[in-house]
PDB file of N, CA and C in Angstrom:
ATOM      1  N   MET A   1     145.155 -57.555  61.365  1.00  0.00           N
ATOM      2  CA  MET A   1     144.382 -58.519  62.194  1.00  0.00           C
ATOM      3  C   MET A   1     143.508 -59.650  61.447  1.00  0.00           C
ATOM      4  N   LYS A   2     142.269 -58.949  61.531  1.00  0.00           N
ATOM      5  CA  LYS A   2     141.425 -59.036  60.345  1.00  0.00           C
ATOM      6  C   LYS A   2     141.705 -58.925  58.946  1.00  0.00           C
ATOM      7  N   LYS A   3     142.478 -58.446  58.720  1.00  0.00           N
ATOM      8  CA  LYS A   3     142.765 -59.256  57.152  1.00  0.00           C
ATOM      9  C   LYS A   3     143.421 -60.696  56.985  1.00  0.00           C
ATOM     10  N   PHE A   4     144.127 -60.976  58.270  1.00  0.00           N
ATOM     11  CA  PHE A   4     145.054 -62.095  58.529  1.00  0.00           C
ATOM     12  C   PHE A   4     143.895 -63.339  58.863  1.00  0.00           C
ATOM     13  N   LEU A   5     143.296 -63.283  59.321  1.00  0.00           N
ATOM     14  CA  LEU A   5     141.733 -63.687  60.085  1.00  0.00           C
ATOM     15  C   LEU A   5     140.913 -63.854  58.897  1.00  0.00           C
ATOM     16  N   LEU A   6     140.663 -63.122  57.683  1.00  0.00           N
ATOM     17  CA  LEU A   6     139.365 -63.057  56.694  1.00  0.00           C
ATOM     18  C   LEU A   6     140.415 -64.053  55.817  1.00  0.00           C
ATOM     19  N   PHE A   7     141.601 -63.902  55.592  1.00  0.00           N
ATOM     20  CA  PHE A   7     142.614 -64.991  54.650  1.00  0.00           C
ATOM     21  C   PHE A   7     142.386 -66.213  55.480  1.00  0.00           C
ATOM     22  N   PHE A   8     142.553 -66.506  56.173  1.00  0.00           N
ATOM     23  CA  PHE A   8     142.584 -68.352  56.970  1.00  0.00           C
ATOM     24  C   PHE A   8     141.119 -68.748  56.663  1.00  0.00           C
ATOM     25  N   ILE A   9     140.214 -67.933  56.573  1.00  0.00           N
ATOM     26  CA  ILE A   9     138.851 -67.838  56.624  1.00  0.00           C
ATOM     27  C   ILE A   9     138.560 -68.758  55.169  1.00  0.00           C
ATOM     28  N   LEU A  10     139.161 -68.065  54.355  1.00  0.00           N
ATOM     29  CA  LEU A  10     138.919 -67.943  52.928  1.00  0.00           C
ATOM     30  C   LEU A  10     139.728 -69.552  51.704  1.00  0.00           C
ATOM     31  N   LEU A  11     140.457 -69.699  52.895  1.00  0.00           N
ATOM     32  CA  LEU A  11     141.346 -70.739  52.323  1.00  0.00           C
ATOM     33  C   LEU A  11     140.898 -72.226  53.565  1.00  0.00           C
ATOM     34  N   SER A  12     140.154 -71.698  54.339  1.00  0.00           N
ATOM     35  CA  SER A  12     139.600 -72.960  55.062  1.00  0.00           C
ATOM     36  C   SER A  12     138.475 -73.872  54.069  1.00  0.00           C
ATOM     37  N   TYR A  13     137.472 -72.578  53.615  1.00  0.00           N
ATOM     38  CA  TYR A  13     136.766 -72.979  52.789  1.00  0.00           C
ATOM     39  C   TYR A  13     136.979 -73.582  51.344  1.00  0.00           C
ATOM     40  N   GLY A  14     138.180 -73.284  50.909  1.00  0.00           N
ATOM     41  CA  GLY A  14     139.130 -73.538  49.572  1.00  0.00           C
ATOM     42  C   GLY A  14     138.917 -72.466  48.974  1.00  0.00           C
ATOM     43  N   VAL A  15     138.646 -71.445  49.089  1.00  0.00           N
ATOM     44  CA  VAL A  15     138.748 -70.105  47.878  1.00  0.00           C
ATOM     45  C   VAL A  15     139.846 -70.421  47.235  1.00  0.00           C
ATOM     46  N   PHE A  16     141.041 -70.636  47.754  1.00  0.00           N
ATOM     47  CA  PHE A  16     142.347 -70.236  47.226  1.00  0.00           C
ATOM     48  C   PHE A  16     143.158 -71.981  46.486  1.00  0.00           C
ATOM     49  N   ALA A  17     142.062 -72.823  46.577  1.00  0.00           N
ATOM     50  CA  ALA A  17     142.635 -74.240  46.108  1.00  0.00           C
ATOM     51  C   ALA A  17     142.902 -74.341  44.398  1.00  0.00           C
ATOM     52  N   GLU A  18     142.791 -75.467  44.315  1.00  0.00           N
ATOM     53  CA  GLU A  18     143.347 -75.811  42.843  1.00  0.00           C
ATOM     54  C   GLU A  18     142.179 -77.130  42.662  1.00  0.00           C
ATOM     55  N   ASN A  19     141.819 -76.757  41.434  1.00  0.00           N
ATOM     56  CA  ASN A  19     140.918 -77.280  40.790  1.00  0.00           C
ATOM     57  C   ASN A  19     142.014 -78.352  39.692  1.00  0.00           C
ATOM     58  N   ILE A  20     141.211 -79.563  39.729  1.00  0.00           N
ATOM     59  CA  ILE A  20     141.671 -80.705  38.612  1.00  0.00           C
ATOM     60  C   ILE A  20     140.600 -81.573  38.412  1.00  0.00           C
ATOM     61  N   THR A  21     140.942 -82.507  37.087  1.00  0.00           N
ATOM     62  CA  THR A  21     140.583 -83.147  36.849  1.00  0.00           C
ATOM     63  C   THR A  21     140.496 -84.576  36.842  1.00  0.00           C
ATOM     64  N   LEU A  22     140.048 -85.419  37.643  1.00  0.00           N
ATOM     65  CA  LEU A  22     140.187 -86.843  37.880  1.00  0.00           C
ATOM     66  C   LEU A  22     139.432 -88.138  37.351  1.00  0.00           C
ATOM     67  N   THR A  23     139.979 -88.952  36.388  1.00  0.00           N
ATOM     68  CA  THR A  23     139.324 -90.353  36.041  1.00  0.00           C
ATOM     69  C   THR A  23     139.220 -90.613  36.789  1.00  0.00           C
ATOM     70  N   ILE A  24     137.622 -91.372  37.328  1.00  0.00           N
ATOM     71  CA  ILE A  24     137.177 -92.303  38.216  1.00  0.00           C
ATOM     72  C   ILE A  24     137.009 -93.370  37.926  1.00  0.00           C
ATOM     73  N   HIS A  25     137.529 -94.609  38.499  1.00  0.00           N
ATOM     74  CA  HIS A  25     137.210 -95.605  38.169  1.00  0.00           C
ATOM     75  C   HIS A  25     136.573 -96.474  39.367  1.00  0.00           C
ATOM     76  N   LYS A  26     135.130 -96.743  39.516  1.00  0.00           N
ATOM     77  CA  LYS A  26     134.426 -97.207  39.988  1.00  0.00           C
ATOM     78  C   LYS A  26     135.351 -98.184  41.437  1.00  0.00           C
ATOM     79  N   ASN A  27     136.094 -99.355  40.577  1.00  0.00           N
ATOM     80  CA  ASN A  27     136.527 -99.928  41.337  1.00  0.00           C
ATOM     81  C   ASN A  27     137.435 -99.643  41.905  1.00  0.00           C
ATOM     82  N   GLU A  28     137.950 -98.833  42.197  1.00  0.00           N
ATOM     83  CA  GLU A  28     138.922 -97.794  43.015  1.00  0.00           C
ATOM     84  C   GLU A  28     138.360 -96.872  44.126  1.00  0.00           C
ATOM     85  N   LEU A  29     137.021 -97.351  44.195  1.00  0.00           N
ATOM     86  CA  LEU A  29     136.501 -96.438  44.968  1.00  0.00           C
ATOM     87  C   LEU A  29     135.693 -97.323  46.488  1.00  0.00           C
ATOM     88  N   ARG A  30     135.977 -96.640  47.413  1.00  0.00           N
ATOM     89  CA  ARG A  30     135.404 -97.441  48.646  1.00  0.00           C
ATOM     90  C   ARG A  30     135.452 -96.555  49.748  1.00  0.00           C
ATOM     91  N   VAL A  31     134.311 -96.870  50.547  1.00  0.00           N
ATOM     92  CA  VAL A  31     133.885 -95.934  51.528  1.00  0.00           C
ATOM     93  C   VAL A  31     134.496 -96.295  52.945  1.00  0.00           C
ATOM     94  N   ASP A  32     134.899 -95.320  53.744  1.00  0.00           N
ATOM     95  CA  ASP A  32     135.738 -95.094  55.079  1.00  0.00           C
ATOM     96  C   ASP A  32     135.068 -94.227  56.003  1.00  0.00           C
ATOM     97  N   GLY A  33     134.365 -95.203  56.498  1.00  0.00           N
ATOM     98  CA  GLY A  33     133.434 -94.087  57.583  1.00  0.00           C
ATOM     99  C   GLY A  33     132.893 -92.921  56.822  1.00  0.00           C
ATOM    100  N   LYS A  34     133.050 -91.596  57.198  1.00  0.00           N
ATOM    101  CA  LYS A  34     132.478 -90.646  56.446  1.00  0.00           C
ATOM    102  C   LYS A  34     133.103 -89.682  55.200  1.00  0.00           C
ATOM    103  N   PHE A  35     133.586 -90.984  55.023  1.00  0.00           N
ATOM    104  CA  PHE A  35     134.705 -90.326  53.809  1.00  0.00           C
ATOM    105  C   PHE A  35     134.261 -91.562  51.867  1.00  0.00           C
ATOM    106  N   ILE A  36     134.214 -90.979  50.814  1.00  0.00           N
ATOM    107  CA  ILE A  36     134.423 -91.852  49.926  1.00  0.00           C
ATOM    108  C   ILE A  36     136.099 -92.114  49.449  1.00  0.00           C
ATOM    109  N   LEU A  37     136.512 -92.996  49.108  1.00  0.00           N
ATOM    110  CA  LEU A  37     138.276 -92.637  48.766  1.00  0.00           C
ATOM    111  C   LEU A  37     138.594 -93.024  47.416  1.00  0.00           C
ATOM    112  N   PHE A  38     139.132 -92.763  46.724  1.00  0.00           N
ATOM    113  CA  PHE A  38     139.290 -92.734  45.358  1.00  0.00           C
ATOM    114  C   PHE A  38     140.660 -93.105  45.431  1.00  0.00           C
ATOM    115  N   GLU A  39     141.409 -94.407  45.306  1.00  0.00           N
ATOM    116  CA  GLU A  39     142.672 -94.540  45.418  1.00  0.00           C
ATOM    117  C   GLU A  39     142.868 -95.212  43.957  1.00  0.00           C
ATOM    118  N   GLU A  40     143.690 -94.248  43.617  1.00  0.00           N
ATOM    119  CA  GLU A  40     144.127 -93.991  42.061  1.00  0.00           C
ATOM    120  C   GLU A  40     145.195 -94.889  41.627  1.00  0.00           C
ATOM    121  N   ASP A  41     145.173 -96.079  41.040  1.00  0.00           N
ATOM    122  CA  ASP A  41     145.733 -96.942  40.656  1.00  0.00           C
ATOM    123  C   ASP A  41     146.532 -97.753  41.622  1.00  0.00           C
ATOM    124  N   SER A  42     145.608 -98.481  42.597  1.00  0.00           N
ATOM    125  CA  SER A  42     145.642 -99.128  43.642  1.00  0.00           C
ATOM    126  C   SER A  42     145.940-100.667  43.094  1.00  0.00           C
ATOM    127  N   GLY A  43     145.873-100.653  42.009  1.00  0.00           N
ATOM    128  CA  GLY A  43     145.927-102.311  41.992  1.00  0.00           C
ATOM    129  C   GLY A  43     147.725-102.576  41.238  1.00  0.00           C
ATOM    130  N   VAL A  44     148.519-101.213  40.987  1.00  0.00           N
ATOM    131  CA  VAL A  44     149.907-101.094  40.724  1.00  0.00           C
ATOM    132  C   VAL A  44     150.743-101.397  41.802  1.00  0.00           C
ATOM    133  N   LYS A  45     151.335-102.262  41.942  1.00  0.00           N
ATOM    134  CA  LYS A  45     152.745-101.626  43.196  1.00  0.00           C
ATOM    135  C   LYS A  45     154.008-100.245  42.692  1.00  0.00           C
ATOM    136  N   ARG A  46     153.756 -99.625  43.573  1.00  0.00           N
ATOM    137  CA  ARG A  46     154.561 -98.460  43.162  1.00  0.00           C
ATOM    138  C   ARG A  46     154.827 -98.243  44.705  1.00  0.00           C
ATOM    139  N   ALA A  47     156.033 -97.048  44.566  1.00  0.00           N
ATOM    140  CA  ALA A  47     156.976 -96.707  45.797  1.00  0.00           C
ATOM    141  C   ALA A  47     155.608 -95.357  46.248  1.00  0.00           C
ATOM    142  N   SER A  48     154.487 -94.700  46.209  1.00  0.00           N
ATOM    143  CA  SER A  48     153.656 -94.198  46.769  1.00  0.00           C
ATOM    144  C   SER A  48     152.513 -94.469  45.720  1.00  0.00           C
ATOM    145  N   TYR A  49     151.563 -93.890  46.541  1.00  0.00           N
ATOM    146  CA  TYR A  49     150.447 -93.649  46.545  1.00  0.00           C
ATOM    147  C   TYR A  49     149.222 -92.312  46.596  1.00  0.00           C
ATOM    148  N   ASN A  50     148.623 -91.953  45.531  1.00  0.00           N
ATOM    149  CA  ASN A  50     147.305 -91.164  45.697  1.00  0.00           C
ATOM    150  C   ASN A  50     145.899 -91.585  46.295  1.00  0.00           C
ATOM    151  N   VAL A  51     145.500 -91.237  47.465  1.00  0.00           N
ATOM    152  CA  VAL A  51     144.107 -91.659  48.069  1.00  0.00           C
ATOM    153  C   VAL A  51     143.412 -89.976  48.436  1.00  0.00           C
ATOM    154  N   TYR A  52     142.290 -90.146  47.280  1.00  0.00           N
ATOM    155  CA  TYR A  52     141.763 -88.615  46.901  1.00  0.00           C
ATOM    156  C   TYR A  52     140.855 -88.742  48.306  1.00  0.00           C
ATOM    157  N   ARG A  53     140.674 -87.912  48.938  1.00  0.00           N
ATOM    158  CA  ARG A  53     139.198 -88.200  50.205  1.00  0.00           C
ATOM    159  C   ARG A  53     138.111 -87.140  49.801  1.00  0.00           C
ATOM    160  N   PHE A  54     136.858 -87.754  49.577  1.00  0.00           N
ATOM    161  CA  PHE A  54     135.792 -87.098  49.436  1.00  0.00           C
ATOM    162  C   PHE A  54     135.089 -87.084  50.928  1.00  0.00           C
ATOM    163  N   PRO A  55     134.508 -86.272  51.247  1.00  0.00           N
ATOM    164  CA  PRO A  55     133.423 -86.099  52.171  1.00  0.00           C
ATOM    165  C   PRO A  55     131.994 -86.875  51.461  1.00  0.00           C
ATOM    166  N   LYS A  56     131.741 -87.769  51.961  1.00  0.00           N
ATOM    167  CA  LYS A  56     130.912 -88.968  51.471  1.00  0.00           C
ATOM    168  C   LYS A  56     129.062 -88.154  50.761  1.00  0.00           C
ATOM    169  N   LYS A  57     129.034 -87.059  51.774  1.00  0.00           N
ATOM    170  CA  LYS A  57     127.739 -86.135  51.207  1.00  0.00           C
ATOM    171  C   LYS A  57     127.862 -85.438  50.209  1.00  0.00           C
ATOM    172  N   ASN A  58     128.765 -85.338  50.093  1.00  0.00           N
ATOM    173  CA  ASN A  58     129.461 -84.131  48.791  1.00  0.00           C
ATOM    174  C   ASN A  58     129.843 -84.796  47.825  1.00  0.00           C
ATOM    175  N   PHE A  59     130.236 -86.322  47.779  1.00  0.00           N
ATOM    176  CA  PHE A  59     130.785 -87.147  46.633  1.00  0.00           C
ATOM    177  C   PHE A  59     129.390 -87.650  45.800  1.00  0.00           C
ATOM    178  N   GLU A  60     128.361 -88.168  46.878  1.00  0.00           N
ATOM    179  CA  GLU A  60     127.294 -88.541  46.577  1.00  0.00           C
ATOM    180  C   GLU A  60     126.096 -87.064  45.655  1.00  0.00           C
ATOM    181  N   LYS A  61     125.706 -86.486  46.226  1.00  0.00           N
ATOM    182  CA  LYS A  61     125.609 -84.896  45.694  1.00  0.00           C
ATOM    183  C   LYS A  61     126.083 -84.562  44.297  1.00  0.00           C
ATOM    184  N   VAL A  62     127.185 -84.678  43.947  1.00  0.00           N
ATOM    185  CA  VAL A  62     127.496 -84.831  42.435  1.00  0.00           C
ATOM    186  C   VAL A  62     128.280 -85.599  41.790  1.00  0.00           C
ATOM    187  N   ALA A  63     128.054 -86.979  42.042  1.00  0.00           N
ATOM    188  CA  ALA A  63     128.867 -87.943  41.625  1.00  0.00           C
ATOM    189  C   ALA A  63     127.017 -88.764  41.218  1.00  0.00           C
ATOM    190  N   GLY A  64     126.778 -88.714  42.484  1.00  0.00           N
ATOM    191  CA  GLY A  64     125.693 -90.048  42.571  1.00  0.00           C
ATOM    192  C   GLY A  64     126.291 -91.268  43.719  1.00  0.00           C
ATOM    193  N   LYS A  65     125.352 -92.120  43.967  1.00  0.00           N
ATOM    194  CA  LYS A  65     125.702 -93.124  45.079  1.00  0.00           C
ATOM    195  C   LYS A  65     126.511 -94.496  44.185  1.00  0.00           C
ATOM    196  N   LEU A  66     127.198 -94.783  44.851  1.00  0.00           N
ATOM    197  CA  LEU A  66     128.111 -95.395  44.265  1.00  0.00           C
ATOM    198  C   LEU A  66     127.764 -96.822  43.374  1.00  0.00           C
ATOM    199  N   SER A  67     126.489 -97.085  44.073  1.00  0.00           N
ATOM    200  CA  SER A  67     125.878 -98.313  43.215  1.00  0.00           C
ATOM    201  C   SER A  67     125.231 -98.014  42.082  1.00  0.00           C
ATOM    202  N   THR A  68     125.036 -96.577  41.433  1.00  0.00           N
ATOM    203  CA  THR A  68     124.877 -96.357  40.804  1.00  0.00           C
ATOM    204  C   THR A  68     125.667 -95.668  39.650  1.00  0.00           C
ATOM    205  N   LEU A  69     126.235 -95.405  39.831  1.00  0.00           N
ATOM    206  CA  LEU A  69     127.561 -95.146  38.618  1.00  0.00           C
ATOM    207  C   LEU A  69     128.090 -95.708  37.654  1.00  0.00           C
ATOM    208  N   PRO A  70     128.754 -94.870  36.152  1.00  0.00           N
ATOM    209  CA  PRO A  70     129.485 -95.279  35.888  1.00  0.00           C
ATOM    210  C   PRO A  70     130.692 -96.334  35.854  1.00  0.00           C
ATOM    211  N   ASP A  71     131.547 -97.266  35.263  1.00  0.00           N
ATOM    212  CA  ASP A  71     132.561 -98.022  35.755  1.00  0.00           C
ATOM    213  C   ASP A  71     133.672 -96.839  35.412  1.00  0.00           C
ATOM    214  N   THR A  72     133.277 -95.928  34.577  1.00  0.00           N
ATOM    215  CA  THR A  72     134.382 -94.950  34.382  1.00  0.00           C
ATOM    216  C   THR A  72     134.070 -93.559  34.431  1.00  0.00           C
ATOM    217  N   PHE A  73     134.165 -92.217  34.652  1.00  0.00           N
ATOM    218  CA  PHE A  73     133.889 -90.671  34.994  1.00  0.00           C
ATOM    219  C   PHE A  73     134.900 -90.298  35.218  1.00  0.00           C
ATOM    220  N   ASP A  74     135.042 -88.907  34.956  1.00  0.00           N
ATOM    221  CA  ASP A  74     135.521 -88.243  35.028  1.00  0.00           C
ATOM    222  C   ASP A  74     134.925 -87.054  35.749  1.00  0.00           C
ATOM    223  N   LEU A  75     135.856 -86.320  36.926  1.00  0.00           N
ATOM    224  CA  LEU A  75     135.173 -85.406  38.259  1.00  0.00           C
ATOM    225  C   LEU A  75     136.159 -84.447  38.385  1.00  0.00           C
ATOM    226  N   GLU A  76     135.404 -83.355  38.415  1.00  0.00           N
ATOM    227  CA  GLU A  76     136.266 -82.410  38.707  1.00  0.00           C
ATOM    228  C   GLU A  76     136.255 -81.742  40.008  1.00  0.00           C
ATOM    229  N   VAL A  77     137.123 -81.630  40.658  1.00  0.00           N
ATOM    230  CA  VAL A  77     137.211 -81.786  42.093  1.00  0.00           C
ATOM    231  C   VAL A  77     138.374 -80.301  42.603  1.00  0.00           C
ATOM    232  N   LYS A  78     138.217 -79.596  43.521  1.00  0.00           N
ATOM    233  CA  LYS A  78     139.355 -78.951  44.225  1.00  0.00           C
ATOM    234  C   LYS A  78     139.645 -79.549  45.634  1.00  0.00           C
ATOM    235  N   VAL A  79     140.675 -79.277  45.323  1.00  0.00           N
ATOM    236  CA  VAL A  79     141.985 -80.419  46.138  1.00  0.00           C
ATOM    237  C   VAL A  79     142.350 -78.822  47.432  1.00  0.00           C
ATOM    238  N   LEU A  80     141.762 -79.118  48.847  1.00  0.00           N
ATOM    239  CA  LEU A  80     141.928 -78.177  49.844  1.00  0.00           C
ATOM    240  C   LEU A  80     143.121 -78.802  50.825  1.00  0.00           C
ATOM    241  N   ASN A  81     143.160 -79.864  50.764  1.00  0.00           N
ATOM    242  CA  ASN A  81     144.540 -80.180  51.557  1.00  0.00           C
ATOM    243  C   ASN A  81     145.517 -81.252  51.704  1.00  0.00           C
ATOM    244  N   SER A  82     146.977 -81.824  51.707  1.00  0.00           N
ATOM    245  CA  SER A  82     147.085 -82.972  51.933  1.00  0.00           C
ATOM    246  C   SER A  82     148.072 -83.011  52.522  1.00  0.00           C
ATOM    247  N   LYS A  83     148.162 -84.176  52.983  1.00  0.00           N
ATOM    248  CA  LYS A  83     149.208 -84.593  54.266  1.00  0.00           C
ATOM    249  C   LYS A  83     149.832 -86.034  53.364  1.00  0.00           C
ATOM    250  N   THR A  84     151.061 -86.391  53.684  1.00  0.00           N
ATOM    251  CA  THR A  84     152.115 -87.229  53.181  1.00  0.00           C
ATOM    252  C   THR A  84     152.487 -88.280  54.496  1.00  0.00           C
ATOM    253  N   GLU A  85     152.192 -89.800  54.234  1.00  0.00           N
ATOM    254  CA  GLU A  85     152.376 -90.746  55.275  1.00  0.00           C
ATOM    255  C   GLU A  85     153.067 -91.575  54.638  1.00  0.00           C
ATOM    256  N   THR A  86     153.996 -92.142  55.539  1.00  0.00           N
ATOM    257  CA  THR A  86     155.153 -93.388  55.060  1.00  0.00           C
ATOM    258  C   THR A  86     155.211 -94.176  56.199  1.00  0.00           C
ATOM    259  N   ASN A  87     154.533 -95.230  55.304  1.00  0.00           N
ATOM    260  CA  ASN A  87     154.693 -96.729  56.262  1.00  0.00           C
ATOM    261  C   ASN A  87     156.017 -97.057  56.085  1.00  0.00           C
ATOM    262  N   ASP A  88     156.965 -97.229  57.479  1.00  0.00           N
ATOM    263  CA  ASP A  88     158.007 -97.682  57.636  1.00  0.00           C
ATOM    264  C   ASP A  88     158.213 -99.243  57.079  1.00  0.00           C
ATOM    265  N   ALA A  89     159.658 -99.173  56.075  1.00  0.00           N
ATOM    266  CA  ALA A  89     159.621-100.497  55.821  1.00  0.00           C
ATOM    267  C   ALA A  89     159.406-101.704  56.625  1.00  0.00           C
ATOM    268  N   ASN A  90     158.456-102.780  55.747  1.00  0.00           N
ATOM    269  CA  ASN A  90     158.991-104.282  56.625  1.00  0.00           C
ATOM    270  C   ASN A  90     159.673-105.027  56.725  1.00  0.00           C
ATOM    271  N   ALA A  91     160.870-105.379  56.918  1.00  0.00           N
ATOM    272  CA  ALA A  91     162.062-106.499  56.835  1.00  0.00           C
ATOM    273  C   ALA A  91     161.175-107.353  55.905  1.00  0.00           C
ATOM    274  N   SER A  92     160.010-108.197  56.306  1.00  0.00           N
ATOM    275  CA  SER A  92     159.410-109.198  56.073  1.00  0.00           C
ATOM    276  C   SER A  92     158.596-109.540  54.845  1.00  0.00           C
ATOM    277  N   LEU A  93     158.297-108.098  54.771  1.00  0.00           N
ATOM    278  CA  LEU A  93     157.495-107.424  53.018  1.00  0.00           C
ATOM    279  C   LEU A  93     158.200-107.390  51.859  1.00  0.00           C
ATOM    280  N   SER A  94     158.164-107.796  50.973  1.00  0.00           N
ATOM    281  CA  SER A  94     158.893-106.816  49.837  1.00  0.00           C
ATOM    282  C   SER A  94     158.453-105.141  49.590  1.00  0.00           C
ATOM    283  N   GLN A  95     158.963-104.671  50.085  1.00  0.00           N
ATOM    284  CA  GLN A  95     158.932-102.953  50.018  1.00  0.00           C
ATOM    285  C   GLN A  95     159.983-102.430  49.833  1.00  0.00           C
ATOM    286  N   PRO A  96     159.638-100.943  49.308  1.00  0.00           N
ATOM    287  CA  PRO A  96     160.869-100.412  48.485  1.00  0.00           C
ATOM    288  C   PRO A  96     161.633 -99.331  49.881  1.00  0.00           C
ATOM    289  N   GLU A  97     162.784 -99.301  49.853  1.00  0.00           N
ATOM    290  CA  GLU A  97     163.119 -98.869  50.312  1.00  0.00           C
ATOM    291  C   GLU A  97     163.051 -97.479  50.986  1.00  0.00           C
ATOM    292  N   GLY A  98     162.660 -97.630  52.417  1.00  0.00           N
ATOM    293  CA  GLY A  98     162.309 -96.513  52.787  1.00  0.00           C
ATOM    294  C   GLY A  98     160.621 -96.462  53.162  1.00  0.00           C
ATOM    295  N   GLY A  99     160.043 -97.577  52.757  1.00  0.00           N
ATOM    296  CA  GLY A  99     158.613 -97.643  53.007  1.00  0.00           C
ATOM    297  C   GLY A  99     157.897 -97.104  51.694  1.00  0.00           C
ATOM    298  N   ILE A 100     156.653 -97.291  52.179  1.00  0.00           N
ATOM    299  CA  ILE A 100     155.802 -96.949  51.117  1.00  0.00           C
ATOM    300  C   ILE A 100     154.687 -95.869  51.149  1.00  0.00           C
ATOM    301  N   LYS A 101     154.561 -94.826  50.727  1.00  0.00           N
ATOM    302  CA  LYS A 101     154.081 -93.667  50.776  1.00  0.00           C
ATOM    303  C   LYS A 101     152.951 -93.366  50.246  1.00  0.00           C
ATOM    304  N   THR A 102     151.957 -92.831  51.163  1.00  0.00           N
ATOM    305  CA  THR A 102     150.790 -92.238  50.471  1.00  0.00           C
ATOM    306  C   THR A 102     150.550 -90.812  51.258  1.00  0.00           C
ATOM    307  N   ASN A 103     149.781 -90.593  49.805  1.00  0.00           N
ATOM    308  CA  ASN A 103     149.269 -89.175  49.336  1.00  0.00           C
ATOM    309  C   ASN A 103     148.016 -89.070  49.741  1.00  0.00           C
ATOM    310  N   ASN A 104     147.733 -88.767  50.755  1.00  0.00           N
ATOM    311  CA  ASN A 104     145.997 -88.006  51.410  1.00  0.00           C
ATOM    312  C   ASN A 104     145.827 -86.655  50.653  1.00  0.00           C
ATOM    313  N   ILE A 105     145.049 -86.620  50.159  1.00  0.00           N
ATOM    314  CA  ILE A 105     144.620 -85.979  48.939  1.00  0.00           C
ATOM    315  C   ILE A 105     143.032 -85.078  49.439  1.00  0.00           C
ATOM    316  N   PHE A 106     142.692 -84.057  50.601  1.00  0.00           N
ATOM    317  CA  PHE A 106     141.349 -83.856  50.834  1.00  0.00           C
ATOM    318  C   PHE A 106     140.905 -82.906  49.598  1.00  0.00           C
ATOM    319  N   VAL A 107     139.662 -83.478  49.175  1.00  0.00           N
ATOM    320  CA  VAL A 107     139.469 -82.820  48.079  1.00  0.00           C
ATOM    321  C   VAL A 107     137.872 -82.361  47.945  1.00  0.00           C
ATOM    322  N   ARG A 108     136.982 -81.506  47.682  1.00  0.00           N
ATOM    323  CA  ARG A 108     135.385 -81.538  47.117  1.00  0.00           C
ATOM    324  C   ARG A 108     135.250 -81.592  46.185  1.00  0.00           C
ATOM    325  N   ALA A 109     133.879 -82.811  45.501  1.00  0.00           N
ATOM    326  CA  ALA A 109     134.158 -83.039  43.853  1.00  0.00           C
ATOM    327  C   ALA A 109     132.978 -81.658  43.512  1.00  0.00           C
ATOM    328  N   MET A 110     133.382 -81.257  42.848  1.00  0.00           N
ATOM    329  CA  MET A 110     132.552 -80.026  41.970  1.00  0.00           C
ATOM    330  C   MET A 110     131.632 -80.372  41.063  1.00  0.00           C
ATOM    331  N   LYS A 111     132.153 -80.988  40.200  1.00  0.00           N
ATOM    332  CA  LYS A 111     131.128 -80.958  38.993  1.00  0.00           C
ATOM    333  C   LYS A 111     131.825 -82.952  38.113  1.00  0.00           C
ATOM    334  N   LYS A 112     130.025 -83.546  37.965  1.00  0.00           N
ATOM    335  CA  LYS A 112     130.517 -84.590  37.194  1.00  0.00           C
ATOM    336  C   LYS A 112     130.777 -83.849  35.549  1.00  0.00           C
ATOM    337  N   LEU A 113     131.820 -84.973  35.085  1.00  0.00           N
ATOM    338  CA  LEU A 113     131.981 -84.629  33.576  1.00  0.00           C
ATOM    339  C   LEU A 113     131.243 -85.821  32.544  1.00  0.00           C
ATOM    340  N   ASP A 114     131.302 -85.604  31.209  1.00  0.00           N
ATOM    341  CA  ASP A 114     130.991 -86.664  30.595  1.00  0.00           C
ATOM    342  C   ASP A 114     132.280 -87.198  30.100  1.00  0.00           C
ATOM    343  N   LEU A 115     132.141 -88.624  29.796  1.00  0.00           N
ATOM    344  CA  LEU A 115     133.361 -88.871  28.750  1.00  0.00           C
ATOM    345  C   LEU A 115     132.693 -88.395  27.277  1.00  0.00           C
ATOM    346  N   PRO A 116     134.537 -88.373  26.988  1.00  0.00           N
ATOM    347  CA  PRO A 116     133.801 -88.734  25.216  1.00  0.00           C
ATOM    348  C   PRO A 116     133.317 -89.869  24.826  1.00  0.00           C
ATOM    349  N   THR A 117     132.740 -89.408  23.942  1.00  0.00           N
ATOM    350  CA  THR A 117     131.913 -91.041  23.258  1.00  0.00           C
ATOM    351  C   THR A 117     133.263 -90.949  21.816  1.00  0.00           C
ATOM    352  N   LYS A 118     133.450 -92.003  21.953  1.00  0.00           N
ATOM    353  CA  LYS A 118     134.559 -92.155  20.409  1.00  0.00           C
ATOM    354  C   LYS A 118     133.517 -92.940  19.506  1.00  0.00           C
ATOM    355  N   LYS A 119     133.627 -91.991  18.503  1.00  0.00           N
ATOM    356  CA  LYS A 119     133.122 -92.249  16.969  1.00  0.00           C
ATOM    357  C   LYS A 119     133.841 -93.551  16.192  1.00  0.00           C
ATOM    358  N   LYS A 120     132.160 -93.891  15.490  1.00  0.00           N
ATOM    359  CA  LYS A 120     132.854 -94.578  14.548  1.00  0.00           C
ATOM    360  C   LYS A 120     133.223 -94.516  13.460  1.00  0.00           C
ATOM    361  N   ASP A 121     134.218 -94.640  12.371  1.00  0.00           N
ATOM    362  CA  ASP A 121     134.704 -94.651  11.167  1.00  0.00           C
ATOM    363  C   ASP A 121     133.947 -94.883  10.099  1.00  0.00           C
TER     364      ASP A 121
END
């Protein structure tokens, strides 16, 4: 029982979580209460969207305040959890059959990475 409990405690802290690198575009960030949302490719019409949800304090500690961020930067994040929601298709709106899926991906910012600079030939 103790091993089982320890496993779930470690899981809740993201010990077994996957690390990925996101290329963040400042214009795809927004504040939603205690979270900063990165709505990847939000300007593109599609059947599903990824929304990365950062705790606001964690994001600002690692990446900086929204007003001071560059237009584009890379951020290493730890994926903690995800939840998919489907908005049912509305007959009066132009939507894909089955509605639009939103993948809410709960993440923790780990490290801000410098983008490589392009060398001039």
